[in-house]
N, C-alpha and C. Protein backbone atom coordinates (compact mmCIF):
# COMPACT_ATOMS: atom_id res chain seq x y z
N MET A 1 0.96 -1.07 0.25
CA MET A 1 0.28 -0.19 0.02
C MET A 1 1.06 1.81 -0.69
N GLN A 2 2.26 1.30 0.44
CA GLN A 2 2.48 2.58 1.03
C GLN A 2 3.37 2.41 -0.27
N ARG A 3 3.94 1.70 -1.22
CA ARG A 3 4.80 1.69 -2.46
C ARG A 3 3.51 2.05 -3.31
N ARG A 4 2.51 1.85 -3.47
CA ARG A 4 1.42 2.08 -4.36
C ARG A 4 0.82 3.91 -4.74
N LEU A 5 0.86 3.78 -3.06
CA LEU A 5 0.23 5.30 -2.42
C LEU A 5 1.75 6.24 -3.38
N GLN A 6 2.93 5.71 -2.55
CA GLN A 6 3.96 6.67 -3.43
C GLN A 6 4.34 6.50 -4.92
N ASP A 7 4.24 5.60 -5.50
CA ASP A 7 3.93 5.73 -6.52
C ASP A 7 2.81 6.20 -7.33
N GLU A 8 1.87 6.83 -7.09
CA GLU A 8 0.75 7.04 -7.39
C GLU A 8 1.33 9.30 -6.90
N VAL A 9 1.52 9.36 -5.93
CA VAL A 9 2.33 11.07 -5.60
C VAL A 9 3.41 11.05 -6.38
N ASP A 10 4.34 10.41 -6.50
CA ASP A 10 5.21 10.77 -7.41
C ASP A 10 5.17 11.25 -9.27
N ARG A 11 3.84 9.59 -9.57
CA ARG A 11 4.03 10.26 -10.79
C ARG A 11 2.61 11.35 -10.92
N VAL A 12 1.75 11.66 -10.32
CA VAL A 12 0.80 12.62 -10.29
C VAL A 12 1.78 14.17 -10.46
N LEU A 13 2.68 14.12 -9.53
CA LEU A 13 2.88 15.08 -8.57
C LEU A 13 4.66 15.84 -9.47
N LYS A 14 5.07 14.77 -9.75
CA LYS A 14 6.49 14.84 -10.18
C LYS A 14 7.71 15.87 -9.12
N GLY A 15 7.39 15.89 -7.99
CA GLY A 15 7.78 16.67 -6.91
C GLY A 15 7.76 18.04 -6.87
N GLN A 16 6.31 17.96 -7.06
CA GLN A 16 5.86 19.16 -7.07
C GLN A 16 5.03 19.27 -5.73
N ALA A 17 4.39 20.62 -5.52
CA ALA A 17 3.37 20.27 -4.58
C ALA A 17 2.37 20.33 -5.36
N PRO A 18 0.99 19.15 -4.71
CA PRO A 18 -0.09 19.59 -5.49
C PRO A 18 -0.88 21.05 -5.91
N THR A 19 -1.31 20.77 -7.52
CA THR A 19 -2.40 21.57 -7.33
C THR A 19 -4.12 21.02 -7.42
N GLY A 20 -5.16 22.15 -7.46
CA GLY A 20 -6.05 21.58 -7.06
C GLY A 20 -6.42 20.97 -8.35
N ALA A 21 -5.98 21.03 -9.81
CA ALA A 21 -6.21 20.19 -10.82
C ALA A 21 -5.79 19.01 -10.65
N GLN A 22 -4.60 18.79 -9.90
CA GLN A 22 -3.93 17.43 -9.72
C GLN A 22 -5.17 16.33 -9.07
N LEU A 23 -5.76 17.33 -8.13
CA LEU A 23 -6.39 16.68 -6.84
C LEU A 23 -6.96 15.07 -7.29
N ASP A 24 -7.97 15.61 -8.24
CA ASP A 24 -8.90 14.26 -8.72
C ASP A 24 -7.85 12.62 -9.33
N GLN A 25 -6.47 13.46 -9.94
CA GLN A 25 -5.76 12.53 -10.34
C GLN A 25 -5.27 11.49 -9.00
N LEU A 26 -5.43 12.21 -7.91
CA LEU A 26 -4.80 11.21 -6.61
C LEU A 26 -5.66 10.25 -6.21
N VAL A 27 -6.29 9.25 -6.92
CA VAL A 27 -7.74 8.81 -6.57
C VAL A 27 -7.15 7.44 -5.31
N TYR A 28 -5.76 6.80 -5.59
CA TYR A 28 -5.34 5.79 -4.67
C TYR A 28 -5.12 6.79 -2.81
N THR A 29 -4.25 7.84 -3.41
CA THR A 29 -4.57 9.23 -2.04
C THR A 29 -5.57 9.31 -1.33
N ARG A 30 -6.73 10.07 -2.18
CA ARG A 30 -7.78 9.86 -1.19
C ARG A 30 -8.32 8.78 -0.49
N ASN A 31 -8.04 7.68 -1.29
CA ASN A 31 -8.45 6.58 -0.76
C ASN A 31 -8.21 6.31 0.71
N VAL A 32 -6.63 6.49 0.82
CA VAL A 32 -5.81 5.89 2.17
C VAL A 32 -6.02 7.70 2.31
N LEU A 33 -6.51 8.14 2.92
CA LEU A 33 -6.89 9.28 3.23
C LEU A 33 -8.88 9.05 4.09
N ASN A 34 -9.48 8.52 2.89
CA ASN A 34 -11.07 8.40 3.61
C ASN A 34 -10.85 6.90 4.53
N GLU A 35 -10.02 5.90 4.34
CA GLU A 35 -9.65 4.88 5.14
C GLU A 35 -9.27 4.94 6.23
N THR A 36 -8.17 5.97 6.41
CA THR A 36 -7.60 6.54 7.70
C THR A 36 -8.14 7.15 8.60
N LEU A 37 -9.19 8.08 7.83
CA LEU A 37 -10.41 8.78 8.58
C LEU A 37 -11.15 7.88 9.20
N ARG A 38 -11.55 6.75 8.41
CA ARG A 38 -13.13 6.09 8.50
C ARG A 38 -12.14 5.19 10.24
N LEU A 39 -11.26 4.63 10.14
CA LEU A 39 -10.52 3.96 11.23
C LEU A 39 -9.91 4.54 12.38
N TYR A 40 -9.70 5.73 12.12
CA TYR A 40 -9.12 6.57 12.76
C TYR A 40 -9.75 8.10 13.00
N PRO A 41 -11.30 8.34 13.40
CA PRO A 41 -11.41 9.77 12.78
C PRO A 41 -11.12 10.56 14.23
N PRO A 42 -10.94 11.97 13.89
CA PRO A 42 -10.22 12.99 14.29
C PRO A 42 -10.98 13.71 15.08
N ALA A 43 -12.35 12.73 15.75
CA ALA A 43 -12.98 13.00 16.72
C ALA A 43 -14.02 12.08 17.11
N ALA A 44 -13.69 12.22 18.35
CA ALA A 44 -14.04 11.12 18.81
C ALA A 44 -15.85 10.29 19.04
N GLY A 45 -16.33 11.56 19.12
CA GLY A 45 -17.75 12.03 19.24
C GLY A 45 -18.61 12.87 18.55
N LEU A 46 -19.96 12.59 18.26
CA LEU A 46 -20.42 13.77 18.16
C LEU A 46 -21.95 14.16 19.44
N GLU A 47 -22.28 15.20 19.87
CA GLU A 47 -23.82 15.12 20.67
C GLU A 47 -24.42 16.16 19.84
N ARG A 48 -25.99 16.23 19.95
CA ARG A 48 -26.60 17.00 20.18
C ARG A 48 -27.72 17.00 20.24
N ILE A 49 -28.40 18.13 20.46
CA ILE A 49 -29.52 18.37 21.84
C ILE A 49 -30.84 18.45 20.92
N THR A 50 -31.54 17.43 20.95
CA THR A 50 -32.77 17.35 20.13
C THR A 50 -33.93 18.98 20.04
N ALA A 51 -33.73 18.80 19.45
CA ALA A 51 -34.77 20.49 18.64
C ALA A 51 -36.57 20.43 19.03
N LYS A 52 -36.72 18.96 18.54
CA LYS A 52 -38.30 19.04 19.02
C LYS A 52 -38.15 17.49 19.61
N PRO A 53 -39.75 16.90 19.85
CA PRO A 53 -39.39 15.04 20.19
C PRO A 53 -39.41 14.38 19.07
N VAL A 54 -38.57 13.61 19.27
CA VAL A 54 -37.95 12.79 18.30
C VAL A 54 -38.35 11.13 18.64
N GLN A 55 -38.37 10.46 17.87
CA GLN A 55 -38.08 9.10 17.81
C GLN A 55 -37.00 8.12 17.43
N LEU A 56 -35.76 8.03 18.10
CA LEU A 56 -34.51 7.58 17.65
C LEU A 56 -34.12 5.61 18.41
N MET A 57 -34.51 5.50 17.22
CA MET A 57 -33.86 3.98 17.77
C MET A 57 -35.31 3.07 18.36
N GLY A 58 -36.24 3.06 18.25
CA GLY A 58 -37.66 2.41 19.40
C GLY A 58 -37.42 3.69 20.80
N TYR A 59 -36.71 4.45 20.84
CA TYR A 59 -36.90 5.20 22.37
C TYR A 59 -37.75 6.84 21.73
N ASP A 60 -39.11 7.36 22.33
CA ASP A 60 -38.94 8.61 22.30
C ASP A 60 -38.24 9.58 23.37
N LEU A 61 -37.71 10.68 22.63
CA LEU A 61 -37.30 11.31 22.90
C LEU A 61 -37.97 13.29 23.04
N PRO A 62 -37.51 13.81 24.45
CA PRO A 62 -38.64 14.87 24.29
C PRO A 62 -37.16 15.78 24.00
N ALA A 63 -37.94 17.08 23.23
CA ALA A 63 -36.71 18.57 22.82
C ALA A 63 -36.13 18.59 24.07
N GLY A 64 -35.13 19.06 23.88
CA GLY A 64 -34.23 19.21 24.59
C GLY A 64 -32.74 18.16 25.28
N VAL A 65 -33.29 17.20 24.95
CA VAL A 65 -32.19 15.63 25.34
C VAL A 65 -30.98 15.79 24.23
N ALA A 66 -29.77 15.65 25.37
CA ALA A 66 -28.78 15.29 24.98
C ALA A 66 -28.26 13.57 24.04
N VAL A 67 -28.29 14.08 23.26
CA VAL A 67 -27.82 12.56 22.01
C VAL A 67 -26.38 12.48 21.84
N SER A 68 -26.19 11.41 22.13
CA SER A 68 -24.72 11.32 21.58
C SER A 68 -24.36 10.15 21.00
N MET A 69 -23.45 10.05 20.22
CA MET A 69 -22.53 9.28 19.11
C MET A 69 -21.35 8.86 19.18
N ARG A 70 -20.85 7.79 19.36
CA ARG A 70 -19.50 7.20 19.55
C ARG A 70 -19.28 7.31 17.75
N ILE A 71 -18.42 8.10 17.13
CA ILE A 71 -18.17 7.88 15.47
C ILE A 71 -17.99 6.88 15.36
N GLN A 72 -16.45 6.43 15.53
CA GLN A 72 -16.06 5.11 15.46
C GLN A 72 -16.91 3.80 15.24
N SER A 73 -18.34 3.83 16.21
CA SER A 73 -18.85 2.56 16.63
C SER A 73 -19.69 2.70 14.81
N ALA A 74 -19.71 3.53 14.28
CA ALA A 74 -20.22 3.67 13.02
C ALA A 74 -19.36 3.09 11.93
N HIS A 75 -18.23 3.20 11.66
CA HIS A 75 -17.17 3.88 10.97
C HIS A 75 -16.50 1.96 11.28
N VAL A 76 -16.86 0.72 12.06
CA VAL A 76 -16.19 -0.42 12.05
C VAL A 76 -17.71 -1.07 12.13
N ASP A 77 -18.65 -0.43 12.15
CA ASP A 77 -20.33 -1.61 12.38
C ASP A 77 -20.40 -2.85 10.91
N PRO A 78 -19.82 -3.42 10.90
CA PRO A 78 -20.14 -4.80 10.11
C PRO A 78 -21.80 -4.49 8.95
N ARG A 79 -22.31 -4.14 10.12
CA ARG A 79 -23.72 -3.64 8.66
C ARG A 79 -23.52 -3.06 7.85
N PHE A 80 -22.68 -2.17 8.11
CA PHE A 80 -21.97 -0.95 6.69
C PHE A 80 -21.03 -1.38 6.23
N TRP A 81 -19.80 -2.15 6.94
CA TRP A 81 -18.97 -2.26 6.12
C TRP A 81 -18.52 -3.54 6.06
N THR A 82 -18.08 -4.09 5.06
CA THR A 82 -17.46 -5.06 4.91
C THR A 82 -15.80 -5.56 5.50
N SER A 83 -15.30 -6.74 6.27
CA SER A 83 -14.12 -6.45 7.19
C SER A 83 -14.03 -5.15 7.81
N PRO A 84 -15.03 -4.54 8.59
CA PRO A 84 -14.63 -3.22 8.90
C PRO A 84 -13.22 -2.81 9.85
N LEU A 85 -12.68 -3.66 10.63
CA LEU A 85 -11.19 -3.24 11.04
C LEU A 85 -10.35 -3.85 10.14
N GLU A 86 -10.53 -3.84 8.98
CA GLU A 86 -9.30 -4.09 7.99
C GLU A 86 -9.42 -2.81 7.67
N PHE A 87 -7.84 -2.60 7.18
CA PHE A 87 -7.66 -1.45 6.35
C PHE A 87 -7.45 -1.94 4.56
N LYS A 88 -8.59 -1.10 3.99
CA LYS A 88 -8.75 -1.97 2.83
C LYS A 88 -9.09 -0.33 2.14
N PRO A 89 -8.04 0.55 1.94
CA PRO A 89 -8.14 1.84 0.70
C PRO A 89 -9.11 1.33 -0.98
N ASP A 90 -9.11 0.35 -1.08
CA ASP A 90 -9.87 -0.15 -2.31
C ASP A 90 -11.17 0.08 -1.96
N ARG A 91 -11.75 -0.37 -1.16
CA ARG A 91 -13.32 -0.25 -0.06
C ARG A 91 -13.92 0.89 -1.16
N TRP A 92 -12.56 2.43 -0.95
CA TRP A 92 -13.66 3.48 -1.74
C TRP A 92 -13.58 3.75 -3.12
N ASP A 93 -13.09 3.05 -4.09
CA ASP A 93 -13.23 3.09 -5.43
C ASP A 93 -14.38 3.81 -6.48
N SER A 94 -15.08 2.59 -5.95
CA SER A 94 -16.09 3.22 -6.02
C SER A 94 -18.08 3.04 -5.73
N GLN A 95 -18.58 2.27 -4.65
CA GLN A 95 -19.56 2.30 -3.80
C GLN A 95 -19.37 3.36 -2.89
N TYR A 96 -18.32 3.99 -2.27
CA TYR A 96 -18.18 4.85 -1.50
C TYR A 96 -17.71 6.17 -2.31
N ASP A 97 -17.18 6.36 -3.22
CA ASP A 97 -17.15 7.39 -4.25
C ASP A 97 -17.85 8.39 -3.56
N HIS A 98 -19.19 8.38 -3.40
CA HIS A 98 -20.12 9.76 -3.45
C HIS A 98 -19.77 10.26 -1.80
N LEU A 99 -19.65 9.46 -0.95
CA LEU A 99 -19.28 10.08 0.52
C LEU A 99 -18.63 11.19 0.67
N VAL A 100 -17.05 10.89 0.15
CA VAL A 100 -15.98 12.03 0.36
C VAL A 100 -15.05 12.19 -0.77
N SER A 101 -14.79 13.18 -1.08
CA SER A 101 -14.17 13.62 -2.21
C SER A 101 -13.70 14.79 -2.13
N PHE A 102 -12.72 15.42 -3.10
CA PHE A 102 -11.70 16.75 -2.49
C PHE A 102 -12.57 17.83 -3.18
N ALA A 103 -13.08 17.23 -4.40
CA ALA A 103 -14.30 18.07 -5.17
C ALA A 103 -15.02 18.57 -4.48
């Protein structure tokens, strides 16, 4: 993976700093970044306050309740990811292409 990443960067950038026009050519680089962020998210979790009564996972929550979610729980959930604990940059090639993009 490291060699593939380095080869792509060398081929596309030719030793120069990247330009906006080159970002779309760094496909494997984008995949590695997406997979890294999936397994090692920069934030541990999210917290939101309900603005109005809502039903969440079968529970009725009134307005003003704090709801927390641990981000990595979703990122390693086998309902959403095949082999969720494996580092697999190629998983981002097509089916997840719409989720994260440099554009």
